[in-house]
């Protein structure tokens, strides 16, 4: 809220952050790979691709 967010939205963001810290959003089922038919891209790979790709 100190950054100007509405109270309800700030609470949602704070709760999401706590859930991430507790590992509640970690998914290891492999469902995404099954759905897309290939290995899922890791966060590291996605960031590297975004940083290294030429702006277009």
N, C-alpha and C. Protein backbone atom coordinates (compact mmCIF):
# COMPACT_ATOMS: atom_id res chain seq x y z
N UNK A 1 0.83 -1.18 0.00
CA UNK A 1 0.00 0.00 0.00
C UNK A 1 0.88 1.25 0.00
N UNK A 2 2.08 1.11 0.55
CA UNK A 2 2.99 2.23 0.58
C UNK A 2 3.41 2.66 -0.82
N UNK A 3 3.26 1.75 -1.80
CA UNK A 3 3.61 2.08 -3.19
C UNK A 3 2.40 2.59 -3.95
N UNK A 4 1.27 2.77 -3.24
CA UNK A 4 0.09 3.32 -3.89
C UNK A 4 -0.90 2.28 -4.38
N UNK A 5 -0.72 1.03 -4.01
CA UNK A 5 -1.66 -0.02 -4.43
C UNK A 5 -2.89 0.00 -3.54
N UNK A 6 -4.04 -0.35 -4.10
CA UNK A 6 -5.23 -0.49 -3.27
C UNK A 6 -5.01 -1.61 -2.23
N UNK A 7 -5.62 -1.47 -1.09
CA UNK A 7 -5.42 -2.43 0.01
C UNK A 7 -5.69 -3.87 -0.40
N UNK A 8 -6.78 -4.12 -1.10
CA UNK A 8 -7.12 -5.49 -1.51
C UNK A 8 -6.09 -6.09 -2.44
N UNK A 9 -5.62 -5.31 -3.39
CA UNK A 9 -4.62 -5.80 -4.34
C UNK A 9 -3.28 -6.04 -3.63
N UNK A 10 -2.90 -5.16 -2.73
CA UNK A 10 -1.67 -5.34 -1.96
C UNK A 10 -1.74 -6.63 -1.14
N UNK A 11 -2.90 -6.92 -0.58
CA UNK A 11 -3.07 -8.15 0.21
C UNK A 11 -2.92 -9.39 -0.67
N UNK A 12 -3.47 -9.34 -1.88
CA UNK A 12 -3.33 -10.48 -2.80
C UNK A 12 -1.87 -10.70 -3.16
N UNK A 13 -1.16 -9.63 -3.48
CA UNK A 13 0.26 -9.76 -3.81
C UNK A 13 1.07 -10.30 -2.65
N UNK A 14 0.79 -9.81 -1.44
CA UNK A 14 1.51 -10.28 -0.25
C UNK A 14 1.23 -11.76 -0.01
N UNK A 15 -0.01 -12.19 -0.18
CA UNK A 15 -0.36 -13.59 0.02
C UNK A 15 0.31 -14.47 -1.03
N UNK A 16 0.36 -14.00 -2.26
CA UNK A 16 1.04 -14.76 -3.31
C UNK A 16 2.52 -14.92 -3.00
N UNK A 17 3.13 -13.85 -2.53
CA UNK A 17 4.55 -13.90 -2.18
C UNK A 17 4.80 -14.90 -1.05
N UNK A 18 3.93 -14.92 -0.06
CA UNK A 18 4.07 -15.90 1.03
C UNK A 18 3.91 -17.32 0.51
N UNK A 19 2.96 -17.52 -0.39
CA UNK A 19 2.76 -18.85 -0.97
C UNK A 19 3.98 -19.32 -1.74
N UNK A 20 4.59 -18.41 -2.50
CA UNK A 20 5.81 -18.75 -3.24
C UNK A 20 6.92 -19.13 -2.26
N UNK A 21 7.08 -18.35 -1.21
CA UNK A 21 8.11 -18.62 -0.21
C UNK A 21 7.92 -19.98 0.46
N UNK A 22 6.67 -20.40 0.62
CA UNK A 22 6.37 -21.69 1.23
C UNK A 22 6.42 -22.83 0.23
N UNK A 23 6.64 -22.52 -1.06
CA UNK A 23 6.70 -23.55 -2.08
C UNK A 23 5.35 -24.01 -2.58
N UNK A 24 4.30 -23.28 -2.26
CA UNK A 24 2.94 -23.70 -2.62
C UNK A 24 2.66 -23.61 -4.12
N UNK A 25 3.44 -22.85 -4.85
CA UNK A 25 3.22 -22.73 -6.28
C UNK A 25 4.16 -23.62 -7.10
N UNK A 26 4.98 -24.42 -6.43
CA UNK A 26 5.89 -25.32 -7.10
C UNK A 26 5.11 -26.49 -7.69
N UNK A 27 5.27 -26.71 -8.98
CA UNK A 27 4.58 -27.80 -9.66
C UNK A 27 5.62 -28.74 -10.24
N UNK A 28 5.55 -30.01 -9.87
CA UNK A 28 6.51 -30.99 -10.37
C UNK A 28 5.83 -32.16 -11.07
N UNK A 29 4.56 -31.98 -11.45
CA UNK A 29 3.78 -33.08 -12.01
C UNK A 29 4.16 -33.44 -13.44
N UNK A 30 4.75 -32.50 -14.18
CA UNK A 30 5.04 -32.76 -15.59
C UNK A 30 3.86 -32.49 -16.49
N UNK A 31 2.76 -31.99 -15.94
CA UNK A 31 1.55 -31.76 -16.75
C UNK A 31 1.78 -30.76 -17.88
N UNK A 32 2.55 -29.71 -17.64
CA UNK A 32 2.78 -28.72 -18.68
C UNK A 32 3.51 -29.34 -19.87
N UNK A 33 4.54 -30.12 -19.61
CA UNK A 33 5.27 -30.79 -20.69
C UNK A 33 4.36 -31.71 -21.48
N UNK A 34 3.48 -32.40 -20.79
CA UNK A 34 2.53 -33.29 -21.45
C UNK A 34 1.59 -32.48 -22.34
N UNK A 35 1.10 -31.37 -21.84
CA UNK A 35 0.16 -30.55 -22.60
C UNK A 35 0.79 -29.93 -23.84
N UNK A 36 2.03 -29.45 -23.72
CA UNK A 36 2.65 -28.76 -24.85
C UNK A 36 3.48 -29.68 -25.74
N UNK A 37 3.67 -30.93 -25.32
CA UNK A 37 4.35 -31.91 -26.16
C UNK A 37 5.85 -31.74 -26.25
N UNK A 38 6.45 -31.06 -25.32
CA UNK A 38 7.91 -30.87 -25.28
C UNK A 38 8.29 -30.51 -23.84
N UNK A 39 9.58 -30.58 -23.54
CA UNK A 39 9.99 -30.16 -22.19
C UNK A 39 9.65 -28.69 -21.96
N UNK A 40 9.23 -28.37 -20.76
CA UNK A 40 8.92 -26.98 -20.41
C UNK A 40 10.22 -26.18 -20.34
N UNK A 41 10.14 -24.92 -20.69
CA UNK A 41 11.27 -24.01 -20.60
C UNK A 41 11.45 -23.60 -19.15
N UNK A 42 12.69 -23.66 -18.68
CA UNK A 42 12.95 -23.25 -17.30
C UNK A 42 12.95 -21.73 -17.22
N UNK A 43 12.81 -21.21 -16.02
CA UNK A 43 12.86 -19.77 -15.82
C UNK A 43 14.20 -19.23 -16.29
N UNK A 44 15.27 -19.94 -15.98
CA UNK A 44 16.61 -19.51 -16.40
C UNK A 44 16.69 -19.41 -17.93
N UNK A 45 16.17 -20.41 -18.63
CA UNK A 45 16.19 -20.40 -20.09
C UNK A 45 15.36 -19.25 -20.65
N UNK A 46 14.21 -19.00 -20.06
CA UNK A 46 13.34 -17.93 -20.54
C UNK A 46 13.99 -16.56 -20.35
N UNK A 47 14.62 -16.36 -19.20
CA UNK A 47 15.28 -15.07 -18.94
C UNK A 47 16.48 -14.91 -19.87
N UNK A 48 17.26 -15.96 -20.04
CA UNK A 48 18.41 -15.87 -20.95
C UNK A 48 17.97 -15.54 -22.37
N UNK A 49 16.91 -16.18 -22.83
CA UNK A 49 16.41 -15.91 -24.17
C UNK A 49 15.93 -14.46 -24.30
N UNK A 50 15.29 -13.96 -23.28
CA UNK A 50 14.78 -12.59 -23.31
C UNK A 50 15.93 -11.57 -23.28
N UNK A 51 16.96 -11.87 -22.51
CA UNK A 51 18.08 -10.94 -22.39
C UNK A 51 18.98 -10.98 -23.61
N UNK A 52 19.16 -12.17 -24.16
CA UNK A 52 20.09 -12.33 -25.27
C UNK A 52 19.47 -12.10 -26.64
N UNK A 53 18.14 -12.10 -26.73
CA UNK A 53 17.52 -11.93 -28.04
C UNK A 53 17.55 -10.46 -28.44
N UNK A 54 17.79 -10.20 -29.73
CA UNK A 54 17.80 -8.80 -30.17
C UNK A 54 16.40 -8.19 -30.06
N UNK A 55 16.36 -6.94 -29.67
CA UNK A 55 15.07 -6.24 -29.55
C UNK A 55 14.45 -6.14 -30.93
N UNK A 56 13.18 -6.42 -31.00
CA UNK A 56 12.58 -6.41 -32.32
C UNK A 56 11.27 -5.83 -32.27
